[in-house]
């Protein structure tokens, strides 16, 4: 018969082992909210054009501007605020352009498989908002990383003015 001390030690070691396995498994999984965003982006792509990276760039042979919000798997409160402010700036300033498809807002997790190229494409060093103009062939024509958004998080009006102003510059460059 085993001694009580040895039984308790064995049970505790088993508990620690199971906890470590559970922790490693949890760390390797993509957070639930990121998976939902990926599914939304992929579904949107399949519904519109069938492109693989989730970005609808030119399905009608016309130029367009894409406003990207780039993030990673883990998002702090400021990152979530940044995304919400960006969405609000686009919705309040460009309703007609969004409805016509001339402007598209895309939220992209750069840590998701297949999305790492955006880090190189747009020289990302941080979570960011990038506005990009694509020509009628879907080729990237110009872009700007809106790096000042982090400095404007405490002033929603200034944030909107900055983001809308930079977006408007690219929209004005469209020929249509």
C-alpha atoms as a PDB file:
ATOM      1  CA  UNK A   1       0.000   0.000   0.000  1.00  0.00           C
ATOM      2  CA  UNK A   2       1.250   3.483  -0.940  1.00  0.00           C
ATOM      3  CA  UNK A   3       1.955   6.019   1.733  1.00  0.00           C
ATOM      4  CA  UNK A   4      -0.367   9.062   1.845  1.00  0.00           C
ATOM      5  CA  UNK A   5       2.571  11.415   1.241  1.00  0.00           C
ATOM      6  CA  UNK A   6       3.535   9.560  -1.941  1.00  0.00           C
ATOM      7  CA  UNK A   7      -0.101   9.566  -3.178  1.00  0.00           C
ATOM      8  CA  UNK A   8      -0.378  13.329  -2.650  1.00  0.00           C
ATOM      9  CA  UNK A   9       2.954  13.913  -4.438  1.00  0.00           C
ATOM     10  CA  UNK A  10       1.848  11.789  -7.397  1.00  0.00           C
ATOM     11  CA  UNK A  11      -1.504  13.585  -7.649  1.00  0.00           C
ATOM     12  CA  UNK A  12       0.172  17.006  -7.491  1.00  0.00           C
ATOM     13  CA  UNK A  13       2.711  16.064 -10.167  1.00  0.00           C
ATOM     14  CA  UNK A  14      -0.079  14.810 -12.415  1.00  0.00           C
ATOM     15  CA  UNK A  15      -1.993  18.058 -11.842  1.00  0.00           C
ATOM     16  CA  UNK A  16       1.065  20.137 -12.749  1.00  0.00           C
ATOM     17  CA  UNK A  17       1.670  18.057 -15.888  1.00  0.00           C
ATOM     18  CA  UNK A  18      -1.942  18.424 -17.048  1.00  0.00           C
ATOM     19  CA  UNK A  19      -1.836  22.176 -16.320  1.00  0.00           C
ATOM     20  CA  UNK A  20       1.320  22.614 -18.389  1.00  0.00           C
ATOM     21  CA  UNK A  21      -0.169  20.701 -21.324  1.00  0.00           C
ATOM     22  CA  UNK A  22      -3.359  22.793 -21.133  1.00  0.00           C
ATOM     23  CA  UNK A  23      -1.356  26.034 -20.970  1.00  0.00           C
ATOM     24  CA  UNK A  24       0.806  25.110 -23.973  1.00  0.00           C
ATOM     25  CA  UNK A  25      -2.304  24.117 -25.940  1.00  0.00           C
ATOM     26  CA  UNK A  26      -4.007  27.400 -25.092  1.00  0.00           C
ATOM     27  CA  UNK A  27      -0.960  29.467 -26.117  1.00  0.00           C
ATOM     28  CA  UNK A  28      -0.785  27.730 -29.488  1.00  0.00           C
ATOM     29  CA  UNK A  29      -4.411  28.490 -30.356  1.00  0.00           C
ATOM     30  CA  UNK A  30      -5.469  31.692 -32.093  1.00  0.00           C
ATOM     31  CA  UNK A  31      -7.719  33.788 -29.819  1.00  0.00           C
ATOM     32  CA  UNK A  32     -11.435  33.401 -30.483  1.00  0.00           C
ATOM     33  CA  UNK A  33     -11.982  36.990 -31.604  1.00  0.00           C
ATOM     34  CA  UNK A  34      -9.146  36.716 -34.149  1.00  0.00           C
ATOM     35  CA  UNK A  35     -10.591  33.500 -35.569  1.00  0.00           C
ATOM     36  CA  UNK A  36     -13.959  35.193 -35.977  1.00  0.00           C
ATOM     37  CA  UNK A  37     -12.305  38.102 -37.784  1.00  0.00           C
ATOM     38  CA  UNK A  38     -10.433  35.724 -40.094  1.00  0.00           C
ATOM     39  CA  UNK A  39     -13.633  33.857 -40.924  1.00  0.00           C
ATOM     40  CA  UNK A  40     -15.389  37.152 -41.640  1.00  0.00           C
ATOM     41  CA  UNK A  41     -12.606  38.353 -43.925  1.00  0.00           C
ATOM     42  CA  UNK A  42     -12.352  35.046 -45.781  1.00  0.00           C
ATOM     43  CA  UNK A  43     -16.118  34.761 -46.157  1.00  0.00           C
ATOM     44  CA  UNK A  44     -16.284  38.316 -47.465  1.00  0.00           C
ATOM     45  CA  UNK A  45     -13.575  37.543 -49.984  1.00  0.00           C
ATOM     46  CA  UNK A  46     -15.195  34.343 -51.192  1.00  0.00           C
ATOM     47  CA  UNK A  47     -18.523  36.100 -51.585  1.00  0.00           C
ATOM     48  CA  UNK A  48     -17.032  38.975 -53.589  1.00  0.00           C
ATOM     49  CA  UNK A  49     -14.052  37.812 -55.629  1.00  0.00           C
ATOM     50  CA  UNK A  50     -12.587  34.545 -54.386  1.00  0.00           C
ATOM     51  CA  UNK A  51      -9.186  36.114 -53.710  1.00  0.00           C
ATOM     52  CA  UNK A  52      -7.227  34.347 -51.006  1.00  0.00           C
ATOM     53  CA  UNK A  53      -5.973  37.172 -48.801  1.00  0.00           C
ATOM     54  CA  UNK A  54      -9.322  38.650 -47.859  1.00  0.00           C
ATOM     55  CA  UNK A  55      -8.874  41.958 -49.650  1.00  0.00           C
ATOM     56  CA  UNK A  56     -11.346  42.953 -52.301  1.00  0.00           C
ATOM     57  CA  UNK A  57      -9.207  45.172 -54.452  1.00  0.00           C
ATOM     58  CA  UNK A  58     -10.628  45.334 -57.920  1.00  0.00           C
ATOM     59  CA  UNK A  59     -13.495  43.081 -58.858  1.00  0.00           C
ATOM     60  CA  UNK A  60     -15.016  45.567 -61.291  1.00  0.00           C
ATOM     61  CA  UNK A  61     -11.952  46.881 -63.116  1.00  0.00           C
ATOM     62  CA  UNK A  62     -12.113  50.188 -61.289  1.00  0.00           C
ATOM     63  CA  UNK A  63      -9.696  51.975 -59.016  1.00  0.00           C
ATOM     64  CA  UNK A  64     -10.334  51.999 -55.311  1.00  0.00           C
ATOM     65  CA  UNK A  65      -8.862  52.946 -51.964  1.00  0.00           C
ATOM     66  CA  UNK A  66      -8.498  50.416 -49.182  1.00  0.00           C
ATOM     67  CA  UNK A  67      -8.164  51.588 -45.580  1.00  0.00           C
ATOM     68  CA  UNK A  68      -6.448  48.813 -43.649  1.00  0.00           C
ATOM     69  CA  UNK A  69      -6.393  48.406 -39.890  1.00  0.00           C
ATOM     70  CA  UNK A  70      -3.511  46.036 -39.130  1.00  0.00           C
ATOM     71  CA  UNK A  71      -3.332  44.191 -35.798  1.00  0.00           C
ATOM     72  CA  UNK A  72      -1.977  41.009 -34.272  1.00  0.00           C
ATOM     73  CA  UNK A  73      -3.447  38.169 -32.240  1.00  0.00           C
ATOM     74  CA  UNK A  74      -3.307  40.066 -28.965  1.00  0.00           C
ATOM     75  CA  UNK A  75      -5.046  43.445 -28.866  1.00  0.00           C
ATOM     76  CA  UNK A  76      -4.923  45.894 -25.985  1.00  0.00           C
ATOM     77  CA  UNK A  77      -7.652  48.419 -25.204  1.00  0.00           C
ATOM     78  CA  UNK A  78      -5.821  51.108 -27.221  1.00  0.00           C
ATOM     79  CA  UNK A  79      -5.633  48.788 -30.250  1.00  0.00           C
ATOM     80  CA  UNK A  80      -9.365  48.164 -30.068  1.00  0.00           C
ATOM     81  CA  UNK A  81     -10.002  51.901 -29.716  1.00  0.00           C
ATOM     82  CA  UNK A  82      -7.803  52.534 -32.750  1.00  0.00           C
ATOM     83  CA  UNK A  83      -9.886  50.116 -34.816  1.00  0.00           C
ATOM     84  CA  UNK A  84     -13.195  51.590 -33.637  1.00  0.00           C
ATOM     85  CA  UNK A  85     -12.065  55.161 -34.293  1.00  0.00           C
ATOM     86  CA  UNK A  86     -10.875  54.151 -37.761  1.00  0.00           C
ATOM     87  CA  UNK A  87     -14.206  52.481 -38.560  1.00  0.00           C
ATOM     88  CA  UNK A  88     -16.093  55.498 -37.253  1.00  0.00           C
ATOM     89  CA  UNK A  89     -13.924  57.907 -39.281  1.00  0.00           C
ATOM     90  CA  UNK A  90     -14.582  55.926 -42.458  1.00  0.00           C
ATOM     91  CA  UNK A  91     -18.307  55.521 -41.830  1.00  0.00           C
ATOM     92  CA  UNK A  92     -18.906  59.151 -40.863  1.00  0.00           C
ATOM     93  CA  UNK A  93     -16.769  60.670 -43.608  1.00  0.00           C
ATOM     94  CA  UNK A  94     -17.204  58.363 -46.574  1.00  0.00           C
ATOM     95  CA  UNK A  95     -20.640  56.733 -46.590  1.00  0.00           C
ATOM     96  CA  UNK A  96     -21.146  57.159 -50.336  1.00  0.00           C
ATOM     97  CA  UNK A  97     -17.631  55.943 -51.178  1.00  0.00           C
ATOM     98  CA  UNK A  98     -18.037  52.870 -48.957  1.00  0.00           C
ATOM     99  CA  UNK A  99     -21.421  52.055 -50.487  1.00  0.00           C
ATOM    100  CA  UNK A 100     -20.101  52.401 -54.035  1.00  0.00           C
ATOM    101  CA  UNK A 101     -17.020  50.270 -53.344  1.00  0.00           C
ATOM    102  CA  UNK A 102     -14.701  53.148 -54.162  1.00  0.00           C
ATOM    103  CA  UNK A 103     -13.461  52.850 -50.551  1.00  0.00           C
ATOM    104  CA  UNK A 104     -13.120  49.600 -48.614  1.00  0.00           C
ATOM    105  CA  UNK A 105     -12.266  49.217 -44.924  1.00  0.00           C
ATOM    106  CA  UNK A 106     -10.385  46.028 -44.050  1.00  0.00           C
ATOM    107  CA  UNK A 107      -9.274  44.751 -40.662  1.00  0.00           C
ATOM    108  CA  UNK A 108      -6.299  42.396 -41.102  1.00  0.00           C
ATOM    109  CA  UNK A 109      -4.536  40.228 -38.519  1.00  0.00           C
ATOM    110  CA  UNK A 110      -0.923  40.256 -39.729  1.00  0.00           C
ATOM    111  CA  UNK A 111      -0.145  37.223 -37.558  1.00  0.00           C
ATOM    112  CA  UNK A 112      -2.655  35.017 -39.392  1.00  0.00           C
ATOM    113  CA  UNK A 113      -1.257  32.564 -41.932  1.00  0.00           C
ATOM    114  CA  UNK A 114      -0.924  34.205 -45.307  1.00  0.00           C
ATOM    115  CA  UNK A 115      -1.100  37.770 -43.996  1.00  0.00           C
ATOM    116  CA  UNK A 116       2.528  38.261 -42.953  1.00  0.00           C
ATOM    117  CA  UNK A 117       3.337  39.768 -46.370  1.00  0.00           C
ATOM    118  CA  UNK A 118       1.549  42.967 -45.317  1.00  0.00           C
ATOM    119  CA  UNK A 119       4.373  43.656 -42.840  1.00  0.00           C
ATOM    120  CA  UNK A 120       6.822  43.814 -45.756  1.00  0.00           C
ATOM    121  CA  UNK A 121       4.392  45.346 -48.266  1.00  0.00           C
ATOM    122  CA  UNK A 122       3.625  48.335 -46.055  1.00  0.00           C
ATOM    123  CA  UNK A 123       6.815  48.360 -43.950  1.00  0.00           C
ATOM    124  CA  UNK A 124       4.814  47.909 -40.746  1.00  0.00           C
ATOM    125  CA  UNK A 125       6.663  48.317 -37.468  1.00  0.00           C
ATOM    126  CA  UNK A 126       3.585  48.578 -35.259  1.00  0.00           C
ATOM    127  CA  UNK A 127      -0.165  48.086 -35.284  1.00  0.00           C
ATOM    128  CA  UNK A 128      -1.336  50.632 -37.749  1.00  0.00           C
ATOM    129  CA  UNK A 129      -3.785  52.132 -40.205  1.00  0.00           C
ATOM    130  CA  UNK A 130      -2.661  52.266 -43.824  1.00  0.00           C
ATOM    131  CA  UNK A 131      -4.598  53.808 -46.691  1.00  0.00           C
ATOM    132  CA  UNK A 132      -3.726  52.431 -50.109  1.00  0.00           C
ATOM    133  CA  UNK A 133      -4.857  53.246 -53.624  1.00  0.00           C
ATOM    134  CA  UNK A 134      -5.147  50.414 -56.149  1.00  0.00           C
ATOM    135  CA  UNK A 135      -5.382  50.927 -59.896  1.00  0.00           C
ATOM    136  CA  UNK A 136      -7.982  49.320 -62.165  1.00  0.00           C
ATOM    137  CA  UNK A 137      -5.787  46.212 -62.507  1.00  0.00           C
ATOM    138  CA  UNK A 138      -5.711  45.737 -58.747  1.00  0.00           C
ATOM    139  CA  UNK A 139      -2.065  46.849 -58.516  1.00  0.00           C
ATOM    140  CA  UNK A 140      -0.921  48.934 -55.563  1.00  0.00           C
ATOM    141  CA  UNK A 141      -0.457  52.485 -56.877  1.00  0.00           C
ATOM    142  CA  UNK A 142       0.301  54.431 -53.683  1.00  0.00           C
ATOM    143  CA  UNK A 143      -0.094  54.127 -49.954  1.00  0.00           C
ATOM    144  CA  UNK A 144       0.482  55.923 -46.674  1.00  0.00           C
ATOM    145  CA  UNK A 145       0.968  54.578 -43.173  1.00  0.00           C
ATOM    146  CA  UNK A 146      -1.019  56.852 -40.852  1.00  0.00           C
ATOM    147  CA  UNK A 147       1.565  56.750 -38.081  1.00  0.00           C
ATOM    148  CA  UNK A 148       0.137  59.756 -36.212  1.00  0.00           C
ATOM    149  CA  UNK A 149      -3.023  57.861 -35.199  1.00  0.00           C
ATOM    150  CA  UNK A 150      -1.362  56.695 -31.973  1.00  0.00           C
ATOM    151  CA  UNK A 151      -0.702  60.307 -30.940  1.00  0.00           C
ATOM    152  CA  UNK A 152      -4.345  61.214 -31.595  1.00  0.00           C
ATOM    153  CA  UNK A 153      -6.102  58.457 -29.633  1.00  0.00           C
ATOM    154  CA  UNK A 154      -7.053  60.889 -26.878  1.00  0.00           C
ATOM    155  CA  UNK A 155      -8.698  63.314 -29.310  1.00  0.00           C
ATOM    156  CA  UNK A 156     -11.347  61.665 -31.461  1.00  0.00           C
ATOM    157  CA  UNK A 157     -12.035  64.834 -33.482  1.00  0.00           C
ATOM    158  CA  UNK A 158      -8.369  65.278 -34.415  1.00  0.00           C
ATOM    159  CA  UNK A 159      -8.122  61.531 -35.133  1.00  0.00           C
ATOM    160  CA  UNK A 160     -11.111  61.742 -37.526  1.00  0.00           C
ATOM    161  CA  UNK A 161      -9.743  64.859 -39.211  1.00  0.00           C
ATOM    162  CA  UNK A 162      -6.332  63.239 -39.778  1.00  0.00           C
ATOM    163  CA  UNK A 163      -7.630  59.869 -41.014  1.00  0.00           C
ATOM    164  CA  UNK A 164     -10.321  61.387 -43.214  1.00  0.00           C
ATOM    165  CA  UNK A 165      -7.914  63.959 -44.641  1.00  0.00           C
ATOM    166  CA  UNK A 166      -5.310  61.366 -45.615  1.00  0.00           C
ATOM    167  CA  UNK A 167      -7.990  59.064 -47.031  1.00  0.00           C
ATOM    168  CA  UNK A 168      -9.513  61.926 -49.009  1.00  0.00           C
ATOM    169  CA  UNK A 169      -6.142  62.655 -50.641  1.00  0.00           C
ATOM    170  CA  UNK A 170      -6.011  59.128 -52.054  1.00  0.00           C
ATOM    171  CA  UNK A 171      -9.683  59.157 -53.048  1.00  0.00           C
ATOM    172  CA  UNK A 172      -9.156  62.404 -54.956  1.00  0.00           C
ATOM    173  CA  UNK A 173      -6.431  60.639 -56.941  1.00  0.00           C
ATOM    174  CA  UNK A 174      -8.955  58.190 -58.393  1.00  0.00           C
ATOM    175  CA  UNK A 175      -9.812  58.802 -62.015  1.00  0.00           C
ATOM    176  CA  UNK A 176     -13.442  57.666 -61.710  1.00  0.00           C
END
